[in-house]
Amino acid sequence: MSSVEERRRPPTAQQFVLAELRRAITTGRLRPGSPIRQDALAEEFDVSRVPLREALKTLHGEGLVTYQAHRGYFVETLSLDDLLEVYRIRELLEEEAVRKAVQRLGEDDLLRLERAQAEVERFAATGEVQEMAGANRVFHMTLFECSGMPRLVRLIRTLWDSTDAYRSLYYGEDGNRERVVAEHRGVLDALRRRAADEVVSRLDEHRIHAVAALSTILTP
């Protein structure tokens, strides 16, 4: 049974294809700039071209894919300016989410964050880049969701979607993986002390390091 088949399928073919395509892009399996080969994907997902086309239209609206006349769909690529804009918007929105989260943070929330961090560290140690990227996302989204502001979290999640493929490139370097682990530990320490200003500061530094590394990838 394939990994696609092992996951529970959403109720409609379009929702299923949309989830699988988004996962393929955000994990880096479909890399920035690569063509979306609809025939091959329809066969892989065991669906017709109709739900695939509808899913691609949705992803186009989200900025994850681009359409070129007579050539079809491609995974969107980001310029350095695009990346900087996304991370700047994230800085503004995530500060609000984090400050609210610290106010509401309970012991159960801290346990969930610690479990998520354990997964980050496990995959960092083994060099499993895509798995680490997924665990990293769980860590951060768990914190944002503690804010009790679901609309804000949805906006943040959309911004993450647009850069997740690049995050996998960032984790390809041993030094970057080690830095992420250390920075997460610092964030957790500040969260345990409910030190909101320090959490915000540490997360700002966390983003700055990612932007600096990704900038070298995106600079021609």
N, C-alpha and C. Protein backbone atom coordinates (compact mmCIF):
# COMPACT_ATOMS: atom_id res chain seq x y z
N MET A 1 0.85 -1.20 0.00
CA MET A 1 0.00 0.00 0.00
C MET A 1 0.88 1.24 0.00
N SER A 2 0.56 2.24 -0.84
CA SER A 2 1.37 3.45 -0.93
C SER A 2 1.10 4.35 0.26
N SER A 3 2.04 5.33 0.47
CA SER A 3 1.86 6.28 1.58
C SER A 3 0.60 7.10 1.37
N VAL A 4 0.26 7.36 0.10
CA VAL A 4 -0.97 8.10 -0.20
C VAL A 4 -2.17 7.30 0.24
N GLU A 5 -2.16 5.99 -0.05
CA GLU A 5 -3.29 5.14 0.30
C GLU A 5 -3.40 4.95 1.81
N GLU A 6 -2.25 4.97 2.50
CA GLU A 6 -2.26 4.75 3.94
C GLU A 6 -2.92 5.90 4.69
N ARG A 7 -2.83 7.13 4.14
CA ARG A 7 -3.45 8.26 4.80
C ARG A 7 -4.95 8.23 4.55
N ARG A 8 -5.70 8.67 5.51
CA ARG A 8 -7.16 8.71 5.35
C ARG A 8 -7.53 9.74 4.31
N ARG A 9 -8.32 9.31 3.33
CA ARG A 9 -8.68 10.22 2.24
C ARG A 9 -9.77 11.18 2.71
N PRO A 10 -9.66 12.47 2.38
CA PRO A 10 -10.75 13.41 2.65
C PRO A 10 -12.00 13.00 1.89
N PRO A 11 -13.15 13.58 2.22
CA PRO A 11 -14.43 13.11 1.67
C PRO A 11 -14.59 13.28 0.17
N THR A 12 -13.93 14.23 -0.46
CA THR A 12 -14.08 14.42 -1.90
C THR A 12 -12.73 14.26 -2.59
N ALA A 13 -12.78 13.90 -3.88
CA ALA A 13 -11.55 13.71 -4.64
C ALA A 13 -10.76 15.01 -4.71
N GLN A 14 -11.45 16.15 -4.87
CA GLN A 14 -10.75 17.42 -4.97
C GLN A 14 -10.02 17.75 -3.67
N GLN A 15 -10.66 17.51 -2.52
CA GLN A 15 -10.01 17.78 -1.24
C GLN A 15 -8.80 16.86 -1.04
N PHE A 16 -8.96 15.61 -1.47
CA PHE A 16 -7.86 14.66 -1.36
C PHE A 16 -6.66 15.11 -2.20
N VAL A 17 -6.92 15.45 -3.46
CA VAL A 17 -5.84 15.87 -4.36
C VAL A 17 -5.20 17.16 -3.85
N LEU A 18 -6.04 18.08 -3.38
CA LEU A 18 -5.52 19.35 -2.87
C LEU A 18 -4.57 19.10 -1.70
N ALA A 19 -4.95 18.23 -0.78
CA ALA A 19 -4.12 17.93 0.38
C ALA A 19 -2.80 17.28 -0.05
N GLU A 20 -2.87 16.35 -1.01
CA GLU A 20 -1.66 15.65 -1.45
C GLU A 20 -0.72 16.57 -2.22
N LEU A 21 -1.28 17.43 -3.07
CA LEU A 21 -0.45 18.37 -3.82
C LEU A 21 0.22 19.37 -2.88
N ARG A 22 -0.56 19.89 -1.93
CA ARG A 22 0.02 20.85 -0.98
C ARG A 22 1.14 20.19 -0.17
N ARG A 23 0.92 18.94 0.23
CA ARG A 23 1.95 18.22 0.99
C ARG A 23 3.20 18.02 0.14
N ALA A 24 3.02 17.66 -1.13
CA ALA A 24 4.17 17.43 -2.02
C ALA A 24 4.99 18.69 -2.22
N ILE A 25 4.31 19.84 -2.27
CA ILE A 25 5.00 21.12 -2.48
C ILE A 25 5.68 21.59 -1.20
N THR A 26 4.95 21.55 -0.10
CA THR A 26 5.50 22.10 1.14
C THR A 26 6.59 21.23 1.75
N THR A 27 6.64 19.93 1.38
CA THR A 27 7.72 19.08 1.87
C THR A 27 8.92 19.09 0.93
N GLY A 28 8.76 19.73 -0.24
CA GLY A 28 9.86 19.80 -1.18
C GLY A 28 9.94 18.63 -2.15
N ARG A 29 8.96 17.70 -2.09
CA ARG A 29 8.97 16.61 -3.08
C ARG A 29 8.78 17.17 -4.48
N LEU A 30 7.87 18.14 -4.61
CA LEU A 30 7.77 18.93 -5.84
C LEU A 30 8.51 20.23 -5.57
N ARG A 31 9.65 20.41 -6.20
CA ARG A 31 10.53 21.50 -5.85
C ARG A 31 10.17 22.79 -6.59
N PRO A 32 10.54 23.94 -6.03
CA PRO A 32 10.27 25.22 -6.69
C PRO A 32 10.75 25.24 -8.13
N GLY A 33 9.84 25.67 -9.02
CA GLY A 33 10.17 25.75 -10.44
C GLY A 33 9.88 24.50 -11.23
N SER A 34 9.58 23.39 -10.56
CA SER A 34 9.35 22.14 -11.29
C SER A 34 7.94 22.12 -11.89
N PRO A 35 7.78 21.47 -13.04
CA PRO A 35 6.46 21.40 -13.68
C PRO A 35 5.53 20.45 -12.94
N ILE A 36 4.23 20.75 -12.99
CA ILE A 36 3.21 19.86 -12.43
C ILE A 36 2.75 18.94 -13.56
N ARG A 37 3.15 17.70 -13.54
CA ARG A 37 2.81 16.76 -14.61
C ARG A 37 1.49 16.09 -14.26
N GLN A 38 0.43 16.65 -14.84
CA GLN A 38 -0.92 16.27 -14.42
C GLN A 38 -1.24 14.81 -14.71
N ASP A 39 -0.81 14.28 -15.85
CA ASP A 39 -1.11 12.88 -16.17
C ASP A 39 -0.50 11.94 -15.13
N ALA A 40 0.76 12.19 -14.80
CA ALA A 40 1.44 11.33 -13.84
C ALA A 40 0.82 11.44 -12.45
N LEU A 41 0.44 12.65 -12.06
CA LEU A 41 -0.16 12.84 -10.73
C LEU A 41 -1.56 12.24 -10.67
N ALA A 42 -2.33 12.36 -11.74
CA ALA A 42 -3.66 11.76 -11.77
C ALA A 42 -3.56 10.24 -11.60
N GLU A 43 -2.54 9.66 -12.24
CA GLU A 43 -2.33 8.22 -12.10
C GLU A 43 -1.89 7.87 -10.69
N GLU A 44 -0.96 8.67 -10.13
CA GLU A 44 -0.48 8.40 -8.78
C GLU A 44 -1.60 8.48 -7.75
N PHE A 45 -2.46 9.50 -7.88
CA PHE A 45 -3.54 9.71 -6.92
C PHE A 45 -4.79 8.89 -7.24
N ASP A 46 -4.77 8.24 -8.43
CA ASP A 46 -5.92 7.43 -8.87
C ASP A 46 -7.20 8.28 -8.95
N VAL A 47 -7.08 9.42 -9.63
CA VAL A 47 -8.22 10.31 -9.83
C VAL A 47 -8.24 10.76 -11.30
N SER A 48 -9.34 11.36 -11.71
CA SER A 48 -9.41 11.94 -13.05
C SER A 48 -8.71 13.29 -13.06
N ARG A 49 -8.60 13.88 -14.24
CA ARG A 49 -7.95 15.19 -14.35
C ARG A 49 -8.82 16.30 -13.77
N VAL A 50 -10.13 16.08 -13.63
CA VAL A 50 -11.03 17.15 -13.20
C VAL A 50 -10.70 17.63 -11.78
N PRO A 51 -10.66 16.75 -10.76
CA PRO A 51 -10.33 17.25 -9.42
C PRO A 51 -8.90 17.79 -9.34
N LEU A 52 -8.02 17.26 -10.18
CA LEU A 52 -6.64 17.76 -10.21
C LEU A 52 -6.60 19.20 -10.70
N ARG A 53 -7.35 19.48 -11.77
CA ARG A 53 -7.39 20.86 -12.28
C ARG A 53 -7.98 21.82 -11.26
N GLU A 54 -9.04 21.39 -10.57
CA GLU A 54 -9.67 22.25 -9.58
C GLU A 54 -8.71 22.52 -8.40
N ALA A 55 -7.98 21.48 -8.00
CA ALA A 55 -7.02 21.66 -6.91
C ALA A 55 -5.91 22.62 -7.32
N LEU A 56 -5.46 22.52 -8.57
CA LEU A 56 -4.42 23.42 -9.05
C LEU A 56 -4.90 24.86 -9.08
N LYS A 57 -6.16 25.07 -9.43
CA LYS A 57 -6.71 26.42 -9.41
C LYS A 57 -6.68 27.00 -7.99
N THR A 58 -7.00 26.15 -7.02
CA THR A 58 -6.97 26.60 -5.62
C THR A 58 -5.55 26.95 -5.20
N LEU A 59 -4.59 26.09 -5.55
CA LEU A 59 -3.19 26.34 -5.19
C LEU A 59 -2.64 27.56 -5.91
N HIS A 60 -3.14 27.81 -7.12
CA HIS A 60 -2.74 29.01 -7.85
C HIS A 60 -3.19 30.26 -7.09
N GLY A 61 -4.42 30.21 -6.57
CA GLY A 61 -4.94 31.33 -5.78
C GLY A 61 -4.16 31.54 -4.49
N GLU A 62 -3.60 30.46 -3.93
CA GLU A 62 -2.81 30.55 -2.70
C GLU A 62 -1.36 30.95 -2.97
N GLY A 63 -0.97 30.98 -4.24
CA GLY A 63 0.40 31.36 -4.57
C GLY A 63 1.41 30.23 -4.52
N LEU A 64 0.94 28.98 -4.42
CA LEU A 64 1.86 27.85 -4.37
C LEU A 64 2.24 27.35 -5.76
N VAL A 65 1.40 27.59 -6.75
CA VAL A 65 1.73 27.22 -8.13
C VAL A 65 1.46 28.41 -9.03
N THR A 66 2.09 28.39 -10.19
CA THR A 66 1.88 29.43 -11.19
C THR A 66 1.49 28.77 -12.50
N TYR A 67 0.74 29.49 -13.33
CA TYR A 67 0.30 28.94 -14.62
C TYR A 67 0.97 29.70 -15.75
N GLN A 68 1.52 28.98 -16.70
CA GLN A 68 2.13 29.58 -17.88
C GLN A 68 1.39 29.10 -19.12
N ALA A 69 0.91 30.03 -19.93
CA ALA A 69 0.15 29.70 -21.13
C ALA A 69 0.95 28.75 -22.02
N HIS A 70 0.26 27.70 -22.48
CA HIS A 70 0.83 26.71 -23.40
C HIS A 70 1.87 25.80 -22.74
N ARG A 71 2.14 26.02 -21.45
CA ARG A 71 3.13 25.19 -20.76
C ARG A 71 2.55 24.48 -19.54
N GLY A 72 1.50 25.07 -18.93
CA GLY A 72 0.87 24.42 -17.80
C GLY A 72 1.29 25.01 -16.47
N TYR A 73 1.09 24.21 -15.41
CA TYR A 73 1.35 24.67 -14.05
C TYR A 73 2.77 24.30 -13.61
N PHE A 74 3.34 25.18 -12.79
CA PHE A 74 4.66 24.96 -12.21
C PHE A 74 4.60 25.32 -10.72
N VAL A 75 5.44 24.66 -9.93
CA VAL A 75 5.57 25.05 -8.53
C VAL A 75 6.16 26.46 -8.49
N GLU A 76 5.54 27.32 -7.72
CA GLU A 76 5.96 28.72 -7.67
C GLU A 76 7.37 28.84 -7.11
N THR A 77 8.12 29.77 -7.65
CA THR A 77 9.42 30.11 -7.10
C THR A 77 9.32 31.49 -6.45
N LEU A 78 10.12 31.70 -5.42
CA LEU A 78 10.12 32.98 -4.72
C LEU A 78 11.37 33.77 -5.07
N SER A 79 11.22 35.06 -5.23
CA SER A 79 12.38 35.94 -5.31
C SER A 79 12.81 36.27 -3.89
N LEU A 80 13.98 36.88 -3.76
CA LEU A 80 14.43 37.30 -2.43
C LEU A 80 13.46 38.32 -1.84
N ASP A 81 12.95 39.23 -2.66
CA ASP A 81 11.98 40.22 -2.16
C ASP A 81 10.71 39.54 -1.66
N ASP A 82 10.27 38.50 -2.38
CA ASP A 82 9.09 37.73 -1.94
C ASP A 82 9.34 37.14 -0.56
N LEU A 83 10.51 36.51 -0.42
CA LEU A 83 10.83 35.86 0.84
C LEU A 83 10.86 36.86 1.99
N LEU A 84 11.51 37.99 1.76
CA LEU A 84 11.61 39.01 2.80
C LEU A 84 10.23 39.55 3.19
N GLU A 85 9.37 39.71 2.20
CA GLU A 85 8.02 40.19 2.50
C GLU A 85 7.25 39.17 3.34
N VAL A 86 7.33 37.89 2.96
CA VAL A 86 6.63 36.86 3.71
C VAL A 86 7.11 36.82 5.15
N TYR A 87 8.41 36.87 5.34
CA TYR A 87 8.95 36.78 6.70
C TYR A 87 8.65 38.04 7.52
N ARG A 88 8.55 39.18 6.87
CA ARG A 88 8.19 40.40 7.59
C ARG A 88 6.74 40.33 8.05
N ILE A 89 5.86 39.85 7.19
CA ILE A 89 4.45 39.71 7.59
C ILE A 89 4.33 38.68 8.70
N ARG A 90 5.07 37.59 8.57
CA ARG A 90 5.06 36.58 9.63
C ARG A 90 5.50 37.18 10.96
N GLU A 91 6.54 38.00 10.94
CA GLU A 91 7.03 38.63 12.17
C GLU A 91 5.91 39.39 12.87
N LEU A 92 5.16 40.16 12.11
CA LEU A 92 4.09 40.97 12.68
C LEU A 92 2.96 40.11 13.24
N LEU A 93 2.52 39.11 12.47
CA LEU A 93 1.39 38.29 12.88
C LEU A 93 1.78 37.32 14.01
N GLU A 94 2.97 36.76 13.90
CA GLU A 94 3.37 35.76 14.89
C GLU A 94 3.61 36.38 16.25
N GLU A 95 4.06 37.62 16.30
CA GLU A 95 4.23 38.26 17.61
C GLU A 95 2.90 38.33 18.34
N GLU A 96 1.85 38.72 17.62
CA GLU A 96 0.52 38.79 18.25
C GLU A 96 0.09 37.41 18.74
N ALA A 97 0.26 36.39 17.89
CA ALA A 97 -0.14 35.04 18.27
C ALA A 97 0.64 34.55 19.48
N VAL A 98 1.95 34.81 19.50
CA VAL A 98 2.80 34.32 20.58
C VAL A 98 2.46 35.01 21.90
N ARG A 99 2.25 36.31 21.87
CA ARG A 99 1.94 37.03 23.12
C ARG A 99 0.61 36.52 23.70
N LYS A 100 -0.37 36.28 22.85
CA LYS A 100 -1.64 35.73 23.33
C LYS A 100 -1.44 34.31 23.85
N ALA A 101 -0.60 33.53 23.15
CA ALA A 101 -0.37 32.15 23.56
C ALA A 101 0.27 32.08 24.94
N VAL A 102 1.25 32.94 25.19
CA VAL A 102 1.94 32.93 26.49
C VAL A 102 0.94 33.21 27.62
N GLN A 103 -0.01 34.10 27.37
CA GLN A 103 -1.02 34.42 28.38
C GLN A 103 -1.90 33.21 28.72
N ARG A 104 -2.12 32.35 27.72
CA ARG A 104 -3.06 31.24 27.88
C ARG A 104 -2.37 29.90 28.12
N LEU A 105 -1.05 29.88 28.09
CA LEU A 105 -0.29 28.63 28.07
C LEU A 105 -0.50 27.83 29.36
N GLY A 106 -0.89 26.57 29.18
CA GLY A 106 -1.05 25.67 30.32
C GLY A 106 0.00 24.58 30.29
N GLU A 107 0.01 23.76 31.34
CA GLU A 107 1.00 22.68 31.41
C GLU A 107 0.80 21.66 30.30
N ASP A 108 -0.44 21.39 29.94
CA ASP A 108 -0.69 20.46 28.83
C ASP A 108 -0.13 21.00 27.52
N ASP A 109 -0.25 22.32 27.34
CA ASP A 109 0.31 22.93 26.13
C ASP A 109 1.83 22.78 26.09
N LEU A 110 2.47 22.99 27.23
CA LEU A 110 3.92 22.84 27.29
C LEU A 110 4.34 21.40 26.99
N LEU A 111 3.56 20.45 27.48
CA LEU A 111 3.87 19.05 27.19
C LEU A 111 3.77 18.76 25.70
N ARG A 112 2.76 19.31 25.05
CA ARG A 112 2.61 19.11 23.61
C ARG A 112 3.78 19.74 22.85
N LEU A 113 4.20 20.91 23.29
CA LEU A 113 5.34 21.56 22.66
C LEU A 113 6.62 20.76 22.87
N GLU A 114 6.78 20.21 24.06
CA GLU A 114 7.98 19.41 24.34
C GLU A 114 7.99 18.13 23.51
N ARG A 115 6.82 17.52 23.31
CA ARG A 115 6.75 16.33 22.46
C ARG A 115 7.09 16.69 21.01
N ALA A 116 6.57 17.83 20.55
CA ALA A 116 6.87 18.27 19.18
C ALA A 116 8.37 18.53 19.03
N GLN A 117 8.98 19.15 20.03
CA GLN A 117 10.42 19.42 19.97
C GLN A 117 11.23 18.13 19.98
N ALA A 118 10.76 17.14 20.72
CA ALA A 118 11.46 15.85 20.73
C ALA A 118 11.52 15.25 19.33
N GLU A 119 10.44 15.43 18.57
CA GLU A 119 10.41 14.94 17.19
C GLU A 119 11.37 15.75 16.31
N VAL A 120 11.39 17.06 16.50
CA VAL A 120 12.34 17.90 15.76
C VAL A 120 13.76 17.40 16.00
N GLU A 121 14.11 17.16 17.24
CA GLU A 121 15.46 16.75 17.58
C GLU A 121 15.78 15.36 17.05
N ARG A 122 14.78 14.47 17.06
CA ARG A 122 15.00 13.11 16.55
C ARG A 122 15.35 13.14 15.07
N PHE A 123 14.58 13.90 14.29
CA PHE A 123 14.82 13.95 12.85
C PHE A 123 16.06 14.78 12.51
N ALA A 124 16.36 15.78 13.33
CA ALA A 124 17.58 16.55 13.12
C ALA A 124 18.80 15.66 13.28
N ALA A 125 18.76 14.79 14.26
CA ALA A 125 19.89 13.91 14.54
C ALA A 125 20.12 12.90 13.42
N THR A 126 19.04 12.44 12.80
CA THR A 126 19.16 11.43 11.74
C THR A 126 19.29 12.04 10.35
N GLY A 127 19.16 13.38 10.27
CA GLY A 127 19.27 14.05 8.98
C GLY A 127 18.08 13.84 8.06
N GLU A 128 16.93 13.50 8.63
CA GLU A 128 15.71 13.31 7.83
C GLU A 128 15.06 14.68 7.63
N VAL A 129 15.41 15.32 6.54
CA VAL A 129 15.11 16.73 6.34
C VAL A 129 13.61 17.00 6.23
N GLN A 130 12.91 16.28 5.37
CA GLN A 130 11.49 16.54 5.20
C GLN A 130 10.71 16.26 6.48
N GLU A 131 11.12 15.19 7.19
CA GLU A 131 10.44 14.87 8.45
C GLU A 131 10.71 15.94 9.50
N MET A 132 11.93 16.47 9.51
CA MET A 132 12.25 17.54 10.45
C MET A 132 11.44 18.79 10.13
N ALA A 133 11.31 19.11 8.83
CA ALA A 133 10.52 20.27 8.45
C ALA A 133 9.08 20.13 8.93
N GLY A 134 8.53 18.93 8.79
CA GLY A 134 7.16 18.70 9.27
C GLY A 134 7.05 18.82 10.78
N ALA A 135 8.03 18.27 11.50
CA ALA A 135 8.02 18.35 12.97
C ALA A 135 8.19 19.80 13.42
N ASN A 136 9.05 20.53 12.73
CA ASN A 136 9.25 21.94 13.05
C ASN A 136 7.95 22.71 12.90
N ARG A 137 7.22 22.42 11.84
CA ARG A 137 5.95 23.10 11.62
C ARG A 137 4.96 22.78 12.73
N VAL A 138 4.92 21.52 13.16
CA VAL A 138 4.03 21.14 14.26
C VAL A 138 4.39 21.93 15.52
N PHE A 139 5.68 22.06 15.81
CA PHE A 139 6.12 22.80 17.00
C PHE A 139 5.59 24.23 16.97
N HIS A 140 5.81 24.92 15.86
CA HIS A 140 5.41 26.33 15.78
C HIS A 140 3.89 26.48 15.75
N MET A 141 3.21 25.65 14.98
CA MET A 141 1.75 25.78 14.89
C MET A 141 1.09 25.45 16.23
N THR A 142 1.66 24.52 16.97
CA THR A 142 1.13 24.21 18.30
C THR A 142 1.19 25.45 19.18
N LEU A 143 2.30 26.16 19.12
CA LEU A 143 2.42 27.39 19.90
C LEU A 143 1.41 28.44 19.42
N PHE A 144 1.30 28.66 18.13
CA PHE A 144 0.37 29.67 17.61
C PHE A 144 -1.07 29.33 17.97
N GLU A 145 -1.42 28.06 17.90
CA GLU A 145 -2.79 27.64 18.19
C GLU A 145 -3.16 27.88 19.65
N CYS A 146 -2.17 27.95 20.52
CA CYS A 146 -2.44 28.26 21.94
C CYS A 146 -2.96 29.68 22.12
N SER A 147 -2.85 30.50 21.07
CA SER A 147 -3.35 31.87 21.15
C SER A 147 -4.87 31.92 21.24
N GLY A 148 -5.53 30.84 20.79
CA GLY A 148 -7.00 30.86 20.75
C GLY A 148 -7.54 31.78 19.67
N MET A 149 -6.74 32.06 18.64
CA MET A 149 -7.13 32.96 17.55
C MET A 149 -7.04 32.19 16.22
N PRO A 150 -8.04 31.38 15.91
CA PRO A 150 -7.94 30.49 14.74
C PRO A 150 -7.81 31.22 13.40
N ARG A 151 -8.43 32.38 13.27
CA ARG A 151 -8.31 33.11 12.00
C ARG A 151 -6.87 33.60 11.79
N LEU A 152 -6.27 34.08 12.86
CA LEU A 152 -4.88 34.53 12.79
C LEU A 152 -3.97 33.36 12.45
N VAL A 153 -4.22 32.21 13.06
CA VAL A 153 -3.40 31.04 12.79
C VAL A 153 -3.54 30.59 11.33
N ARG A 154 -4.73 30.69 10.77
CA ARG A 154 -4.91 30.33 9.36
C ARG A 154 -4.09 31.23 8.45
N LEU A 155 -4.05 32.52 8.76
CA LEU A 155 -3.24 33.44 7.97
C LEU A 155 -1.75 33.08 8.06
N ILE A 156 -1.30 32.79 9.27
CA ILE A 156 0.10 32.41 9.47
C ILE A 156 0.41 31.12 8.72
N ARG A 157 -0.51 30.17 8.78
CA ARG A 157 -0.29 28.88 8.10
C ARG A 157 -0.15 29.07 6.59
N THR A 158 -0.94 29.97 6.01
CA THR A 158 -0.85 30.24 4.57
C THR A 158 0.52 30.81 4.22
N LEU A 159 1.03 31.70 5.06
CA LEU A 159 2.36 32.26 4.83
C LEU A 159 3.44 31.18 4.91
N TRP A 160 3.30 30.28 5.86
CA TRP A 160 4.24 29.16 5.98
C TRP A 160 4.19 28.29 4.73
N ASP A 161 2.98 28.03 4.22
CA ASP A 161 2.83 27.20 3.03
C ASP A 161 3.68 27.74 1.88
N SER A 162 3.73 29.05 1.75
CA SER A 162 4.41 29.66 0.60
C SER A 162 5.92 29.51 0.65
N THR A 163 6.47 29.18 1.82
CA THR A 163 7.94 29.07 1.94
C THR A 163 8.40 27.70 2.44
N ASP A 164 7.48 26.77 2.66
CA ASP A 164 7.87 25.48 3.24
C ASP A 164 8.84 24.71 2.35
N ALA A 165 8.68 24.80 1.04
CA ALA A 165 9.58 24.07 0.15
C ALA A 165 11.02 24.55 0.35
N TYR A 166 11.20 25.82 0.64
CA TYR A 166 12.53 26.37 0.85
C TYR A 166 13.07 25.99 2.22
N ARG A 167 12.17 25.80 3.17
CA ARG A 167 12.61 25.42 4.51
C ARG A 167 13.32 24.07 4.49
N SER A 168 12.85 23.17 3.62
CA SER A 168 13.51 21.87 3.50
C SER A 168 14.95 22.04 3.01
N LEU A 169 15.18 23.03 2.14
CA LEU A 169 16.54 23.30 1.68
C LEU A 169 17.41 23.79 2.84
N TYR A 170 16.83 24.60 3.71
CA TYR A 170 17.55 25.14 4.87
C TYR A 170 18.01 24.02 5.80
N TYR A 171 17.16 23.03 5.98
CA TYR A 171 17.49 21.93 6.89
C TYR A 171 18.48 20.93 6.29
N GLY A 172 18.84 21.12 5.03
CA GLY A 172 19.81 20.23 4.42
C GLY A 172 21.21 20.37 4.99
N GLU A 173 21.49 21.49 5.64
CA GLU A 173 22.81 21.74 6.23
C GLU A 173 22.83 21.32 7.70
N ASP A 174 23.87 20.56 8.08
CA ASP A 174 23.98 20.08 9.46
C ASP A 174 23.95 21.24 10.46
N GLY A 175 24.69 22.30 10.15
CA GLY A 175 24.77 23.43 11.06
C GLY A 175 23.42 24.11 11.27
N ASN A 176 22.62 24.18 10.22
CA ASN A 176 21.30 24.79 10.33
C ASN A 176 20.38 23.94 11.21
N ARG A 177 20.47 22.62 11.06
CA ARG A 177 19.64 21.75 11.89
C ARG A 177 20.02 21.89 13.36
N GLU A 178 21.32 21.95 13.63
CA GLU A 178 21.77 22.12 15.02
C GLU A 178 21.31 23.46 15.59
N ARG A 179 21.35 24.50 14.75
CA ARG A 179 20.92 25.83 15.21
C ARG A 179 19.44 25.84 15.55
N VAL A 180 18.63 25.20 14.70
CA VAL A 180 17.19 25.16 14.94
C VAL A 180 16.89 24.46 16.27
N VAL A 181 17.55 23.34 16.52
CA VAL A 181 17.34 22.61 17.78
C VAL A 181 17.66 23.50 18.97
N ALA A 182 18.80 24.18 18.92
CA ALA A 182 19.21 25.05 20.03
C ALA A 182 18.24 26.20 20.22
N GLU A 183 17.80 26.80 19.11
CA GLU A 183 16.88 27.94 19.21
C GLU A 183 15.52 27.51 19.76
N HIS A 184 15.04 26.34 19.35
CA HIS A 184 13.78 25.84 19.90
C HIS A 184 13.89 25.60 21.41
N ARG A 185 15.03 25.07 21.83
CA ARG A 185 15.22 24.84 23.27
C ARG A 185 15.15 26.16 24.03
N GLY A 186 15.74 27.21 23.46
CA GLY A 186 15.67 28.52 24.09
C GLY A 186 14.25 29.05 24.17
N VAL A 187 13.49 28.84 23.11
CA VAL A 187 12.09 29.26 23.10
C VAL A 187 11.31 28.52 24.18
N LEU A 188 11.51 27.22 24.27
CA LEU A 188 10.81 26.43 25.29
C LEU A 188 11.16 26.89 26.69
N ASP A 189 12.42 27.18 26.93
CA ASP A 189 12.85 27.67 28.25
C ASP A 189 12.13 28.97 28.60
N ALA A 190 12.04 29.88 27.64
CA ALA A 190 11.35 31.15 27.89
C ALA A 190 9.85 30.93 28.08
N LEU A 191 9.28 29.98 27.35
CA LEU A 191 7.85 29.68 27.51
C LEU A 191 7.57 29.13 28.90
N ARG A 192 8.43 28.29 29.40
CA ARG A 192 8.22 27.72 30.75
C ARG A 192 8.20 28.83 31.80
N ARG A 193 8.96 29.89 31.54
CA ARG A 193 9.00 31.02 32.48
C ARG A 193 7.94 32.08 32.14
N ARG A 194 7.14 31.83 31.12
CA ARG A 194 6.09 32.77 30.65
C ARG A 194 6.70 34.14 30.35
N ALA A 195 7.92 34.13 29.81
CA ALA A 195 8.64 35.37 29.49
C ALA A 195 8.32 35.77 28.05
N ALA A 196 7.20 36.45 27.87
CA ALA A 196 6.68 36.74 26.53
C ALA A 196 7.68 37.53 25.68
N ASP A 197 8.28 38.58 26.25
CA ASP A 197 9.22 39.39 25.47
C ASP A 197 10.40 38.54 24.97
N GLU A 198 10.87 37.65 25.83
CA GLU A 198 12.01 36.81 25.45
C GLU A 198 11.60 35.81 24.36
N VAL A 199 10.40 35.25 24.48
CA VAL A 199 9.92 34.32 23.44
C VAL A 199 9.88 35.02 22.09
N VAL A 200 9.30 36.22 22.08
CA VAL A 200 9.22 36.99 20.82
C VAL A 200 10.61 37.27 20.27
N SER A 201 11.53 37.68 21.15
CA SER A 201 12.90 38.00 20.73
C SER A 201 13.60 36.77 20.16
N ARG A 202 13.44 35.64 20.83
CA ARG A 202 14.09 34.41 20.36
C ARG A 202 13.52 33.96 19.02
N LEU A 203 12.22 34.10 18.83
CA LEU A 203 11.62 33.71 17.56
C LEU A 203 12.01 34.68 16.45
N ASP A 204 12.17 35.94 16.78
CA ASP A 204 12.67 36.90 15.78
C ASP A 204 14.06 36.47 15.31
N GLU A 205 14.91 36.12 16.25
CA GLU A 205 16.27 35.68 15.91
C GLU A 205 16.23 34.39 15.08
N HIS A 206 15.31 33.50 15.43
CA HIS A 206 15.10 32.24 14.72
C HIS A 206 14.78 32.51 13.24
N ARG A 207 13.88 33.46 12.98
CA ARG A 207 13.51 33.81 11.59
C ARG A 207 14.68 34.48 10.88
N ILE A 208 15.39 35.36 11.58
CA ILE A 208 16.51 36.08 10.96
C ILE A 208 17.56 35.10 10.43
N HIS A 209 17.87 34.06 11.20
CA HIS A 209 18.85 33.08 10.77
C HIS A 209 18.35 32.32 9.53
N ALA A 210 17.06 31.99 9.52
CA ALA A 210 16.49 31.28 8.36
C ALA A 210 16.54 32.16 7.12
N VAL A 211 16.17 33.42 7.27
CA VAL A 211 16.18 34.34 6.14
C VAL A 211 17.59 34.51 5.60
N ALA A 212 18.56 34.64 6.48
CA ALA A 212 19.94 34.83 6.05
C ALA A 212 20.42 33.64 5.22
N ALA A 213 20.09 32.42 5.68
CA ALA A 213 20.53 31.24 4.95
C ALA A 213 19.78 31.10 3.62
N LEU A 214 18.47 31.33 3.64
CA LEU A 214 17.68 31.19 2.42
C LEU A 214 18.01 32.28 1.41
N SER A 215 18.43 33.43 1.88
CA SER A 215 18.79 34.52 0.97
C SER A 215 19.93 34.10 0.05
N THR A 216 20.86 33.30 0.58
CA THR A 216 21.97 32.86 -0.25
C THR A 216 21.50 31.91 -1.35
N ILE A 217 20.43 31.16 -1.06
CA ILE A 217 19.87 30.26 -2.07
C ILE A 217 19.14 31.02 -3.15
N LEU A 218 18.45 32.09 -2.76
CA LEU A 218 17.61 32.82 -3.69
C LEU A 218 18.34 33.93 -4.44
N THR A 219 19.56 34.25 -4.01
CA THR A 219 20.32 35.29 -4.68
C THR A 219 21.01 34.71 -5.90
N PRO A 220 20.76 35.25 -7.10
CA PRO A 220 21.36 34.70 -8.33
C PRO A 220 22.88 34.73 -8.27
